[in-house]
N, C-alpha and C. Protein backbone atom coordinates (compact mmCIF):
# COMPACT_ATOMS: atom_id res chain seq x y z
N UNK A 1 34.82 -18.53 -24.89
CA UNK A 1 34.72 -17.44 -23.93
C UNK A 1 35.78 -16.40 -24.26
N UNK A 2 35.40 -15.14 -24.34
CA UNK A 2 36.36 -14.08 -24.53
C UNK A 2 36.55 -13.33 -23.23
N UNK A 3 37.32 -12.25 -23.27
CA UNK A 3 37.63 -11.52 -22.03
C UNK A 3 36.40 -10.87 -21.41
N UNK A 4 35.32 -10.72 -22.18
CA UNK A 4 34.10 -10.11 -21.64
C UNK A 4 33.16 -11.15 -21.05
N UNK A 5 33.43 -12.41 -21.20
CA UNK A 5 32.57 -13.46 -20.66
C UNK A 5 31.84 -14.21 -21.75
N UNK A 6 30.81 -14.90 -21.37
CA UNK A 6 30.03 -15.72 -22.29
C UNK A 6 28.74 -14.99 -22.63
N UNK A 7 28.37 -15.00 -23.91
CA UNK A 7 27.14 -14.35 -24.35
C UNK A 7 26.02 -15.38 -24.45
N UNK A 8 24.87 -15.04 -23.88
CA UNK A 8 23.68 -15.89 -23.95
C UNK A 8 22.46 -14.99 -24.12
N UNK A 9 21.45 -15.54 -24.74
CA UNK A 9 20.14 -14.88 -24.71
C UNK A 9 19.40 -15.44 -23.51
N UNK A 10 18.84 -14.55 -22.71
CA UNK A 10 18.13 -14.96 -21.51
C UNK A 10 16.70 -14.43 -21.61
N UNK A 11 15.72 -15.32 -21.47
CA UNK A 11 14.34 -14.87 -21.44
C UNK A 11 14.12 -14.10 -20.14
N UNK A 12 13.69 -12.87 -20.28
CA UNK A 12 13.55 -11.98 -19.13
C UNK A 12 12.22 -11.25 -19.21
N UNK A 13 11.57 -11.12 -18.08
CA UNK A 13 10.30 -10.40 -18.01
C UNK A 13 10.44 -9.29 -16.97
N UNK A 14 10.08 -8.07 -17.35
CA UNK A 14 10.05 -6.96 -16.41
C UNK A 14 8.64 -6.84 -15.85
N UNK A 15 8.55 -6.61 -14.56
CA UNK A 15 7.25 -6.46 -13.91
C UNK A 15 7.21 -5.24 -13.02
N UNK A 16 6.00 -4.72 -12.83
CA UNK A 16 5.80 -3.56 -11.98
C UNK A 16 4.42 -3.64 -11.37
N UNK A 17 4.31 -3.24 -10.12
CA UNK A 17 3.02 -3.23 -9.44
C UNK A 17 2.90 -1.96 -8.61
N UNK A 18 1.73 -1.37 -8.64
CA UNK A 18 1.52 -0.16 -7.84
C UNK A 18 1.58 -0.47 -6.35
N UNK A 19 1.49 -1.75 -5.96
CA UNK A 19 1.62 -2.10 -4.54
C UNK A 19 3.07 -2.04 -4.06
N UNK A 20 4.02 -2.02 -4.98
CA UNK A 20 5.44 -1.83 -4.67
C UNK A 20 5.96 -0.78 -5.65
N UNK A 21 5.50 0.48 -5.48
CA UNK A 21 5.67 1.50 -6.51
C UNK A 21 7.09 1.99 -6.75
N UNK A 22 8.00 1.70 -5.84
CA UNK A 22 9.37 2.17 -6.01
C UNK A 22 10.25 1.18 -6.78
N UNK A 23 9.74 -0.03 -7.02
CA UNK A 23 10.59 -1.10 -7.55
C UNK A 23 10.07 -1.70 -8.85
N UNK A 24 11.00 -2.23 -9.62
CA UNK A 24 10.67 -3.08 -10.75
C UNK A 24 11.26 -4.45 -10.45
N UNK A 25 10.62 -5.48 -10.98
CA UNK A 25 11.11 -6.84 -10.79
C UNK A 25 11.53 -7.38 -12.15
N UNK A 26 12.75 -7.86 -12.23
CA UNK A 26 13.27 -8.47 -13.44
C UNK A 26 13.32 -9.97 -13.18
N UNK A 27 12.52 -10.74 -13.93
CA UNK A 27 12.46 -12.18 -13.74
C UNK A 27 13.18 -12.87 -14.88
N UNK A 28 14.17 -13.67 -14.53
CA UNK A 28 14.92 -14.47 -15.50
C UNK A 28 14.28 -15.85 -15.55
N UNK A 29 13.87 -16.25 -16.74
CA UNK A 29 13.22 -17.54 -16.94
C UNK A 29 14.31 -18.55 -17.30
N UNK A 30 14.53 -19.53 -16.44
CA UNK A 30 15.57 -20.52 -16.69
C UNK A 30 14.99 -21.94 -16.56
N UNK A 31 15.73 -22.89 -17.06
CA UNK A 31 15.33 -24.29 -16.94
C UNK A 31 15.29 -24.76 -15.51
N UNK A 32 16.07 -24.15 -14.65
CA UNK A 32 16.13 -24.54 -13.23
C UNK A 32 15.11 -23.79 -12.39
N UNK A 33 14.34 -22.90 -13.00
CA UNK A 33 13.36 -22.11 -12.26
C UNK A 33 13.59 -20.62 -12.50
N UNK A 34 12.65 -19.85 -12.09
CA UNK A 34 12.74 -18.41 -12.29
C UNK A 34 13.56 -17.75 -11.20
N UNK A 35 14.31 -16.73 -11.58
CA UNK A 35 15.11 -15.95 -10.66
C UNK A 35 14.65 -14.51 -10.77
N UNK A 36 14.28 -13.91 -9.64
CA UNK A 36 13.77 -12.53 -9.65
C UNK A 36 14.79 -11.61 -9.01
N UNK A 37 15.06 -10.51 -9.68
CA UNK A 37 15.95 -9.47 -9.17
C UNK A 37 15.13 -8.19 -9.11
N UNK A 38 15.02 -7.58 -7.94
CA UNK A 38 14.23 -6.37 -7.76
C UNK A 38 15.16 -5.19 -7.53
N UNK A 39 14.86 -4.09 -8.22
CA UNK A 39 15.66 -2.87 -8.02
C UNK A 39 14.79 -1.65 -8.27
N UNK A 40 15.33 -0.49 -7.97
CA UNK A 40 14.56 0.75 -8.03
C UNK A 40 14.10 1.14 -9.43
N UNK A 41 12.83 1.48 -9.54
CA UNK A 41 12.29 1.95 -10.82
C UNK A 41 13.03 3.19 -11.28
N UNK A 42 13.41 4.05 -10.35
CA UNK A 42 14.12 5.28 -10.72
C UNK A 42 15.44 4.98 -11.43
N UNK A 43 16.11 3.89 -11.06
CA UNK A 43 17.35 3.52 -11.75
C UNK A 43 17.07 3.20 -13.21
N UNK A 44 16.02 2.46 -13.46
CA UNK A 44 15.68 2.10 -14.83
C UNK A 44 15.27 3.35 -15.61
N UNK A 45 14.50 4.21 -14.98
CA UNK A 45 14.04 5.43 -15.64
C UNK A 45 15.21 6.35 -16.00
N UNK A 46 16.08 6.60 -15.04
CA UNK A 46 17.21 7.52 -15.26
C UNK A 46 18.30 6.88 -16.11
N UNK A 47 18.44 5.56 -16.02
CA UNK A 47 19.50 4.87 -16.74
C UNK A 47 19.31 4.80 -18.25
N UNK A 48 18.12 5.13 -18.73
CA UNK A 48 17.92 5.16 -20.18
C UNK A 48 18.56 6.41 -20.79
N UNK A 49 18.83 7.41 -19.96
CA UNK A 49 19.39 8.68 -20.44
C UNK A 49 20.87 8.86 -20.11
N UNK A 50 21.29 8.37 -18.94
CA UNK A 50 22.69 8.51 -18.53
C UNK A 50 23.02 7.41 -17.52
N UNK A 51 24.31 7.10 -17.37
CA UNK A 51 24.70 6.03 -16.44
C UNK A 51 24.31 6.36 -14.99
N UNK A 52 23.70 5.39 -14.32
CA UNK A 52 23.31 5.55 -12.92
C UNK A 52 23.53 4.24 -12.19
N UNK A 53 23.57 4.34 -10.87
CA UNK A 53 23.62 3.14 -10.04
C UNK A 53 24.84 3.09 -9.17
N UNK A 54 24.64 2.50 -8.01
CA UNK A 54 25.71 2.24 -7.07
C UNK A 54 25.47 0.84 -6.53
N UNK A 55 26.51 0.19 -6.13
CA UNK A 55 26.34 -1.13 -5.54
C UNK A 55 26.05 -2.21 -6.56
N UNK A 56 24.94 -2.93 -6.35
CA UNK A 56 24.65 -4.13 -7.11
C UNK A 56 24.02 -3.90 -8.48
N UNK A 57 23.46 -2.72 -8.73
CA UNK A 57 22.75 -2.47 -9.99
C UNK A 57 23.26 -1.18 -10.63
N UNK A 58 23.61 -1.29 -11.92
CA UNK A 58 24.02 -0.14 -12.72
C UNK A 58 23.25 -0.19 -14.03
N UNK A 59 22.74 0.96 -14.46
CA UNK A 59 21.97 1.04 -15.70
C UNK A 59 22.53 2.18 -16.52
N UNK A 60 22.68 1.96 -17.84
CA UNK A 60 23.26 2.99 -18.70
C UNK A 60 22.79 2.81 -20.14
N UNK A 61 22.72 3.91 -20.88
CA UNK A 61 22.46 3.77 -22.32
C UNK A 61 23.63 3.06 -22.98
N UNK A 62 23.36 2.34 -24.05
CA UNK A 62 24.41 1.60 -24.75
C UNK A 62 24.04 1.49 -26.23
N UNK A 63 24.99 1.02 -27.00
CA UNK A 63 24.78 0.75 -28.41
C UNK A 63 25.05 -0.73 -28.64
N UNK A 64 24.10 -1.41 -29.25
CA UNK A 64 24.26 -2.84 -29.53
C UNK A 64 25.21 -3.08 -30.68
N UNK A 65 25.57 -4.33 -30.91
CA UNK A 65 26.48 -4.72 -31.97
C UNK A 65 25.97 -4.23 -33.33
N UNK A 66 24.65 -4.24 -33.52
CA UNK A 66 24.05 -3.82 -34.79
C UNK A 66 23.92 -2.30 -34.90
N UNK A 67 24.33 -1.58 -33.86
CA UNK A 67 24.20 -0.12 -33.86
C UNK A 67 22.88 0.36 -33.30
N UNK A 68 22.06 -0.55 -32.82
CA UNK A 68 20.75 -0.21 -32.25
C UNK A 68 20.91 0.38 -30.84
N UNK A 69 20.05 1.33 -30.50
CA UNK A 69 20.03 1.91 -29.15
C UNK A 69 19.59 0.85 -28.15
N UNK A 70 20.38 0.68 -27.12
CA UNK A 70 20.13 -0.34 -26.10
C UNK A 70 20.23 0.30 -24.71
N UNK A 71 19.84 -0.46 -23.71
CA UNK A 71 20.05 -0.10 -22.32
C UNK A 71 20.83 -1.25 -21.69
N UNK A 72 21.93 -0.91 -21.04
CA UNK A 72 22.75 -1.90 -20.35
C UNK A 72 22.33 -1.94 -18.89
N UNK A 73 22.06 -3.13 -18.40
CA UNK A 73 21.70 -3.33 -16.99
C UNK A 73 22.72 -4.31 -16.42
N UNK A 74 23.54 -3.83 -15.50
CA UNK A 74 24.57 -4.67 -14.87
C UNK A 74 24.14 -5.04 -13.47
N UNK A 75 24.16 -6.33 -13.19
CA UNK A 75 23.79 -6.85 -11.88
C UNK A 75 24.99 -7.57 -11.29
N UNK A 76 25.29 -7.28 -10.04
CA UNK A 76 26.41 -7.93 -9.35
C UNK A 76 25.93 -8.53 -8.04
N UNK A 77 26.45 -9.70 -7.73
CA UNK A 77 26.17 -10.35 -6.45
C UNK A 77 27.39 -11.18 -6.09
N UNK A 78 27.42 -11.73 -4.89
CA UNK A 78 28.53 -12.61 -4.53
C UNK A 78 28.64 -13.81 -5.47
N UNK A 79 27.53 -14.16 -6.14
CA UNK A 79 27.52 -15.31 -7.05
C UNK A 79 28.03 -14.99 -8.44
N UNK A 80 28.18 -13.71 -8.78
CA UNK A 80 28.68 -13.36 -10.10
C UNK A 80 28.22 -12.01 -10.59
N UNK A 81 28.51 -11.78 -11.86
CA UNK A 81 28.25 -10.49 -12.50
C UNK A 81 27.55 -10.77 -13.83
N UNK A 82 26.47 -10.01 -14.10
CA UNK A 82 25.71 -10.20 -15.32
C UNK A 82 25.47 -8.85 -15.98
N UNK A 83 25.75 -8.77 -17.27
CA UNK A 83 25.47 -7.56 -18.04
C UNK A 83 24.40 -7.91 -19.06
N UNK A 84 23.27 -7.21 -18.95
CA UNK A 84 22.16 -7.44 -19.87
C UNK A 84 22.03 -6.27 -20.82
N UNK A 85 21.67 -6.56 -22.04
CA UNK A 85 21.36 -5.51 -23.00
C UNK A 85 19.93 -5.70 -23.45
N UNK A 86 19.14 -4.62 -23.36
CA UNK A 86 17.75 -4.64 -23.80
C UNK A 86 17.54 -3.48 -24.76
N UNK A 87 16.64 -3.66 -25.70
CA UNK A 87 16.34 -2.58 -26.64
C UNK A 87 15.80 -1.37 -25.88
N UNK A 88 16.33 -0.20 -26.18
CA UNK A 88 15.87 1.03 -25.54
C UNK A 88 14.37 1.21 -25.72
N UNK A 89 13.87 0.88 -26.91
CA UNK A 89 12.44 1.06 -27.16
C UNK A 89 11.60 0.18 -26.23
N UNK A 90 12.07 -1.05 -25.96
CA UNK A 90 11.33 -1.94 -25.05
C UNK A 90 11.35 -1.40 -23.62
N UNK A 91 12.51 -0.93 -23.19
CA UNK A 91 12.62 -0.38 -21.83
C UNK A 91 11.77 0.89 -21.71
N UNK A 92 11.84 1.76 -22.70
CA UNK A 92 11.04 2.99 -22.65
C UNK A 92 9.55 2.69 -22.65
N UNK A 93 9.12 1.70 -23.43
CA UNK A 93 7.70 1.30 -23.42
C UNK A 93 7.29 0.80 -22.03
N UNK A 94 8.14 -0.03 -21.43
CA UNK A 94 7.86 -0.56 -20.10
C UNK A 94 7.78 0.58 -19.08
N UNK A 95 8.76 1.47 -19.10
CA UNK A 95 8.77 2.60 -18.16
C UNK A 95 7.52 3.44 -18.36
N UNK A 96 7.13 3.66 -19.60
CA UNK A 96 5.91 4.42 -19.88
C UNK A 96 4.68 3.79 -19.25
N UNK A 97 4.60 2.46 -19.30
CA UNK A 97 3.46 1.78 -18.68
C UNK A 97 3.50 1.91 -17.16
N UNK A 98 4.70 1.90 -16.55
CA UNK A 98 4.76 2.07 -15.10
C UNK A 98 4.34 3.49 -14.70
N UNK A 99 4.74 4.45 -15.51
CA UNK A 99 4.39 5.86 -15.23
C UNK A 99 2.87 6.05 -15.36
N UNK A 100 2.24 5.33 -16.28
CA UNK A 100 0.79 5.42 -16.43
C UNK A 100 0.08 4.88 -15.17
N UNK A 101 0.70 3.91 -14.50
CA UNK A 101 0.13 3.37 -13.26
C UNK A 101 0.40 4.27 -12.06
N UNK A 102 1.67 4.70 -11.93
CA UNK A 102 2.08 5.53 -10.81
C UNK A 102 3.04 6.60 -11.33
N UNK A 103 2.63 7.83 -11.27
CA UNK A 103 3.47 8.93 -11.75
C UNK A 103 4.70 9.08 -10.85
N UNK A 104 5.85 9.42 -11.45
CA UNK A 104 7.04 9.68 -10.63
C UNK A 104 6.73 10.78 -9.60
N UNK A 105 7.11 10.52 -8.37
CA UNK A 105 6.84 11.45 -7.28
C UNK A 105 5.58 11.12 -6.51
N UNK A 106 4.72 10.26 -7.07
CA UNK A 106 3.47 9.89 -6.40
C UNK A 106 3.56 8.50 -5.76
N UNK A 107 4.75 7.91 -5.75
CA UNK A 107 4.90 6.54 -5.25
C UNK A 107 4.41 6.40 -3.80
N UNK A 108 4.69 7.39 -2.97
CA UNK A 108 4.31 7.28 -1.55
C UNK A 108 2.80 7.24 -1.37
N UNK A 109 2.03 7.74 -2.35
CA UNK A 109 0.57 7.67 -2.28
C UNK A 109 0.08 6.23 -2.40
N UNK A 110 0.89 5.36 -3.00
CA UNK A 110 0.52 3.97 -3.23
C UNK A 110 1.19 3.01 -2.27
N UNK A 111 2.20 3.49 -1.54
CA UNK A 111 3.01 2.62 -0.70
C UNK A 111 2.31 2.35 0.62
N UNK A 112 2.17 1.09 0.98
CA UNK A 112 1.49 0.67 2.20
C UNK A 112 2.53 0.44 3.30
N UNK A 113 2.78 1.45 4.10
CA UNK A 113 3.79 1.38 5.16
C UNK A 113 3.40 0.35 6.20
N UNK A 114 2.13 0.26 6.54
CA UNK A 114 1.69 -0.71 7.54
C UNK A 114 1.99 -2.15 7.09
N UNK A 115 1.77 -2.43 5.80
CA UNK A 115 2.07 -3.76 5.29
C UNK A 115 3.57 -4.04 5.39
N UNK A 116 4.41 -3.06 5.06
CA UNK A 116 5.86 -3.24 5.14
C UNK A 116 6.28 -3.54 6.58
N UNK A 117 5.74 -2.80 7.53
CA UNK A 117 6.09 -3.02 8.94
C UNK A 117 5.66 -4.43 9.36
N UNK A 118 4.48 -4.85 8.94
CA UNK A 118 4.02 -6.21 9.26
C UNK A 118 4.95 -7.26 8.68
N UNK A 119 5.39 -7.06 7.44
CA UNK A 119 6.31 -8.02 6.80
C UNK A 119 7.65 -8.07 7.52
N UNK A 120 8.17 -6.91 7.89
CA UNK A 120 9.47 -6.86 8.58
C UNK A 120 9.37 -7.54 9.94
N UNK A 121 8.30 -7.27 10.67
CA UNK A 121 8.15 -7.88 11.98
C UNK A 121 7.94 -9.39 11.88
N UNK A 122 7.25 -9.84 10.83
CA UNK A 122 7.01 -11.27 10.66
C UNK A 122 8.29 -12.00 10.29
N UNK A 123 9.22 -11.31 9.63
CA UNK A 123 10.47 -11.94 9.22
C UNK A 123 11.47 -12.02 10.36
N UNK A 124 11.27 -11.26 11.41
CA UNK A 124 12.26 -11.28 12.50
C UNK A 124 11.98 -12.31 13.54
């Protein structure tokens, strides 16, 4: 372990659905089960060009050890801190597919407010 922590490769899947048009889901595939972290699609979109984020999620352009263009995704929780590096080309391809489903600015056309209210009331 060095001062930056321990390096691991983590199988990760990004997901997007027009039924939750403002968010992307990052699923970490682990031996103990899958862990899903959901955050704003706009963070991922803007973070490929310049550093963005407040609180638990920060996204920024980066350069990998090999000199390849990467995107850094930092996740923080009370359980710890994780810095992920993904190829910029992979992130840009993913973002492009989300934009093909729901154009930026059109998210509210796909968002089901009634379903959200039902979910919130059922959870209380």
